[in-house]
Amino acid sequence: MTALEVDATEAPPRPWWMERAECRGKSELFFPPPGERPAARENRENRARAVCLACDVLSSCQDFARTQRELGFWGGESEIERAEAGFAPTTPVIGLRRHRSTRTA
């Protein structure tokens, strides 16, 4: 089969757990708008985390995000938290920094 014979309109099947996820229809909590400021990001991610913590498929979502190196907030983790756990996104995330209340020397 050549690249020209591949049907580009056919999407890969979604994992089973996505249909049971608490986040369905709430994308605005899990993906930042352009130019989001750090305080707004923290607020949005805190609200997203609350949804994740109430979700029955949290661990499946987290595993998927880690193995697929996803962008956005998945499985109770931000991109930065996944990167710190050794699962950095394959696409560079420009302008993100972990904001900490205390500095270490």
Protein backbone atom coordinates (compact mmCIF):
# COMPACT_ATOMS: atom_id res chain seq x y z
CA MET A 1 0.00 0.00 0.00
CA THR A 2 1.34 3.43 -0.87
CA ALA A 3 0.77 6.68 1.00
CA LEU A 4 -1.71 7.68 -1.69
CA GLU A 5 -3.84 4.60 -1.00
CA VAL A 6 -4.22 5.34 2.71
CA ASP A 7 -7.60 6.81 3.65
CA ALA A 8 -6.62 9.95 5.57
CA THR A 9 -10.21 10.46 6.80
CA GLU A 10 -10.20 7.27 8.86
CA ALA A 11 -9.31 8.11 12.46
CA PRO A 12 -7.74 5.50 14.74
CA PRO A 13 -10.17 3.96 17.25
CA ARG A 14 -10.47 5.73 20.59
CA PRO A 15 -9.52 3.83 23.73
CA TRP A 16 -12.53 2.31 25.55
CA TRP A 17 -12.05 4.40 28.67
CA MET A 18 -12.51 7.75 26.87
CA GLU A 19 -16.26 7.16 26.65
CA ARG A 20 -16.40 6.84 30.47
CA ALA A 21 -14.15 9.80 31.31
CA GLU A 22 -15.53 12.58 33.51
CA CYS A 23 -13.80 15.17 31.32
CA ARG A 24 -15.96 14.56 28.24
CA GLY A 25 -17.20 17.91 26.94
CA LYS A 26 -14.87 19.91 29.21
CA SER A 27 -11.87 20.44 26.91
CA GLU A 28 -11.48 24.05 28.00
CA LEU A 29 -10.27 22.80 31.41
CA PHE A 30 -7.69 20.42 29.99
CA PHE A 31 -6.08 22.42 27.18
CA PRO A 32 -4.79 25.98 27.61
CA PRO A 33 -6.00 28.87 25.51
CA PRO A 34 -3.34 30.85 23.61
CA GLY A 35 -1.44 33.25 25.85
CA GLU A 36 -2.69 31.81 29.13
CA ARG A 37 -1.01 33.48 32.09
CA PRO A 38 0.56 31.41 34.89
CA ALA A 39 -2.10 32.26 37.51
CA ALA A 40 -4.91 31.40 35.09
CA ARG A 41 -3.15 28.16 34.16
CA GLU A 42 -2.83 27.17 37.81
CA ASN A 43 -6.51 27.91 38.41
CA ARG A 44 -7.59 25.96 35.31
CA GLU A 45 -5.37 22.99 36.17
CA ASN A 46 -6.68 22.90 39.75
CA ARG A 47 -10.23 22.66 38.38
CA ALA A 48 -9.14 19.98 35.90
CA ARG A 49 -7.43 18.01 38.67
CA ALA A 50 -10.68 18.00 40.69
CA VAL A 51 -12.50 16.47 37.70
CA CYS A 52 -9.74 13.88 37.27
CA LEU A 53 -9.74 12.87 40.92
CA ALA A 54 -13.47 12.06 40.67
CA CYS A 55 -13.00 9.99 37.50
CA ASP A 56 -13.26 6.18 37.38
CA VAL A 57 -10.75 5.91 34.52
CA LEU A 58 -8.02 8.13 35.98
CA SER A 59 -5.25 5.53 35.84
CA SER A 60 -6.05 4.50 32.24
CA CYS A 61 -6.02 8.14 31.20
CA GLN A 62 -2.73 8.79 32.98
CA ASP A 63 -1.10 5.72 31.41
CA PHE A 64 -2.30 6.79 27.96
CA ALA A 65 -1.00 10.36 28.37
CA ARG A 66 2.36 9.14 29.56
CA THR A 67 2.88 6.55 26.82
CA GLN A 68 1.57 8.84 24.07
CA ARG A 69 3.52 11.85 25.42
CA GLU A 70 0.37 13.98 25.24
CA LEU A 71 0.05 17.73 25.60
CA GLY A 72 -2.52 19.19 27.97
CA PHE A 73 -3.81 18.03 31.33
CA TRP A 74 -4.47 14.26 31.38
CA GLY A 75 -4.94 11.72 34.14
CA GLY A 76 -4.55 14.26 36.92
CA GLU A 77 -1.20 15.49 35.60
CA SER A 78 0.00 18.55 33.75
CA GLU A 79 2.57 18.37 30.96
CA ILE A 80 5.18 19.56 33.43
CA GLU A 81 4.29 16.89 35.99
CA ARG A 82 4.50 14.17 33.34
CA ALA A 83 7.85 15.54 32.16
CA GLU A 84 9.15 15.50 35.74
CA ALA A 85 8.06 11.85 35.98
CA GLY A 86 10.08 11.06 32.85
CA PHE A 87 7.29 11.32 30.25
CA ALA A 88 7.96 14.63 28.52
CA PRO A 89 5.82 15.49 25.49
CA THR A 90 7.45 14.79 22.14
CA THR A 91 6.35 18.24 20.96
CA PRO A 92 8.27 21.02 22.73
CA VAL A 93 6.15 23.06 25.08
CA ILE A 94 7.33 26.63 24.64
CA GLY A 95 7.13 29.08 27.51
CA LEU A 96 6.14 26.66 30.27
CA ARG A 97 7.87 26.74 33.60
CA ARG A 98 7.08 25.14 36.88
CA HIS A 99 6.09 27.91 39.25
CA ARG A 100 7.23 27.18 42.76
CA SER A 101 6.58 29.15 45.89
CA THR A 102 10.03 28.34 47.27
CA ARG A 103 13.34 28.37 45.48
CA THR A 104 16.06 25.83 45.97
CA ALA A 105 19.72 26.74 45.63
